[in-house]
Amino acid sequence: VQLQASGGGLVQAGGSLRLSCAASSATLSLNPMGWYRQAPGKQREMVATLDTGGSTNYAESVRGRFTISRGNAKNTVDLQMNSLKAEDTAVYYCYGWFYSQYWGQGTLVTVSS
């Protein structure tokens, strides 16, 4: 299974971006799905996760600003990012779980202050 992330880019602080992730296969059900990020010189950290039951989990640093949701198609997940801050700058990776963790290739989000 391959995951394709899109939607990254350059945005000013206070702005918004929407990331999307889609899996190459709809045969299996990825659960949960979510997003991690890795800033320069830092470890990869969980941003948000969502399971098929609708349960979500957010990093404290993004709670109230980011919203994770399932896309209309199977095995898709979106991340709406509002009120972006310079510290949100990172490569964002989507993932999905089906007996093992599958990762997307990453999409760069740069927030200018």
Protein backbone atom coordinates (compact mmCIF):
# COMPACT_ATOMS: atom_id res chain seq x y z
CA VAL A 1 0.00 0.00 0.00
CA GLN A 2 1.33 3.42 -0.92
CA LEU A 3 0.16 6.66 0.62
CA GLN A 4 0.28 9.92 -1.28
CA ALA A 5 0.23 13.18 0.68
CA SER A 6 -0.45 16.55 -0.86
CA GLY A 7 -1.34 20.10 0.07
CA GLY A 8 1.82 21.41 1.66
CA GLY A 9 3.30 24.76 0.81
CA LEU A 10 4.33 28.16 2.07
CA VAL A 11 1.91 30.18 4.16
CA GLN A 12 2.14 33.18 6.43
CA ALA A 13 1.63 32.85 10.14
CA GLY A 14 -2.05 32.91 10.95
CA GLY A 15 -2.95 31.35 7.63
CA SER A 16 -4.44 27.98 6.76
CA LEU A 17 -3.53 24.91 4.75
CA ARG A 18 -5.30 21.65 4.08
CA LEU A 19 -3.34 18.45 3.69
CA SER A 20 -4.77 15.37 2.02
CA CYS A 21 -3.61 11.78 1.97
CA ALA A 22 -4.84 8.92 -0.16
CA ALA A 23 -3.87 5.27 -0.20
CA SER A 24 -3.26 3.38 -3.42
CA SER A 25 -5.47 0.50 -2.34
CA ALA A 26 -9.09 0.42 -1.23
CA THR A 27 -9.05 -3.35 -0.77
CA LEU A 28 -7.94 -3.20 2.84
CA SER A 29 -9.07 -0.80 5.52
CA LEU A 30 -6.41 1.36 7.06
CA ASN A 31 -7.26 2.08 10.67
CA PRO A 32 -6.29 4.33 12.23
CA MET A 33 -5.00 6.94 9.84
CA GLY A 34 -3.28 10.12 10.79
CA TRP A 35 -0.46 12.56 10.51
CA TYR A 36 2.98 12.96 11.98
CA ARG A 37 5.45 15.74 11.38
CA GLN A 38 9.18 16.23 11.62
CA ALA A 39 10.75 19.64 12.00
CA PRO A 40 14.41 20.24 11.15
CA GLY A 41 16.65 18.80 13.84
CA LYS A 42 13.73 17.28 15.75
CA GLN A 43 12.19 13.86 16.11
CA ARG A 44 9.06 12.89 14.28
CA GLU A 45 5.99 13.61 16.41
CA MET A 46 2.35 12.66 16.23
CA VAL A 47 0.07 15.46 15.08
CA ALA A 48 -3.36 13.86 14.81
CA THR A 49 -4.96 10.46 14.45
CA LEU A 50 -8.43 9.29 13.53
CA ASP A 51 -9.97 5.83 13.69
CA THR A 52 -12.97 4.44 11.88
CA GLY A 53 -15.06 4.89 15.00
CA GLY A 54 -14.49 8.62 14.79
CA SER A 55 -12.15 8.87 17.74
CA THR A 56 -9.48 11.52 17.35
CA ASN A 57 -6.27 12.30 19.12
CA TYR A 58 -4.31 15.52 18.75
CA ALA A 59 -0.97 16.75 19.90
CA GLU A 60 -1.43 19.38 22.56
CA SER A 61 0.40 21.91 20.41
CA VAL A 62 -2.20 21.71 17.61
CA ARG A 63 -5.42 21.03 19.50
CA GLY A 64 -8.03 23.62 18.64
CA ARG A 65 -6.20 24.70 15.48
CA PHE A 66 -5.98 21.49 13.44
CA THR A 67 -8.82 19.18 12.48
CA ILE A 68 -8.41 15.67 11.12
CA SER A 69 -11.13 14.06 9.06
CA ARG A 70 -11.72 11.16 6.72
CA GLY A 71 -12.04 11.95 3.06
CA ASN A 72 -14.98 10.83 0.97
CA ALA A 73 -13.04 7.96 -0.56
CA LYS A 74 -11.90 4.95 1.43
CA ASN A 75 -8.45 5.18 2.97
CA THR A 76 -8.19 8.93 2.68
CA VAL A 77 -7.55 11.40 5.44
CA ASP A 78 -7.34 15.18 5.53
CA LEU A 79 -5.79 17.63 7.96
CA GLN A 80 -7.19 21.14 8.10
CA MET A 81 -4.61 23.43 9.66
CA ASN A 82 -5.70 26.87 10.82
CA SER A 83 -3.95 29.64 12.72
CA LEU A 84 -0.62 28.29 11.61
CA LYS A 85 2.48 29.25 13.54
CA ALA A 86 6.13 29.31 12.59
CA GLU A 87 6.67 26.31 14.85
CA ASP A 88 4.31 24.27 12.68
CA THR A 89 6.96 24.30 9.96
CA ALA A 90 7.84 20.69 9.24
CA VAL A 91 7.54 17.84 6.81
CA TYR A 92 4.15 16.26 7.39
CA TYR A 93 3.72 12.53 6.90
CA CYS A 94 0.46 10.70 6.68
CA TYR A 95 0.17 7.13 7.83
CA GLY A 96 -2.25 4.28 7.94
CA TRP A 97 -2.28 1.08 9.93
CA PHE A 98 -3.12 -2.41 8.65
CA TYR A 99 -1.11 -4.99 10.58
CA SER A 100 1.83 -2.65 10.07
CA GLN A 101 2.31 1.06 9.64
CA TYR A 102 2.34 2.50 6.15
CA TRP A 103 3.81 5.96 5.51
CA GLY A 104 3.34 8.57 2.85
CA GLN A 105 6.28 10.38 1.32
CA GLY A 106 5.85 13.61 3.27
CA THR A 107 4.76 17.07 2.27
CA LEU A 108 6.56 20.22 3.37
CA VAL A 109 4.71 22.92 5.27
CA THR A 110 6.55 26.18 5.75
CA VAL A 111 5.02 28.91 7.90
CA SER A 112 6.68 32.29 7.65
CA SER A 113 6.51 34.64 10.59
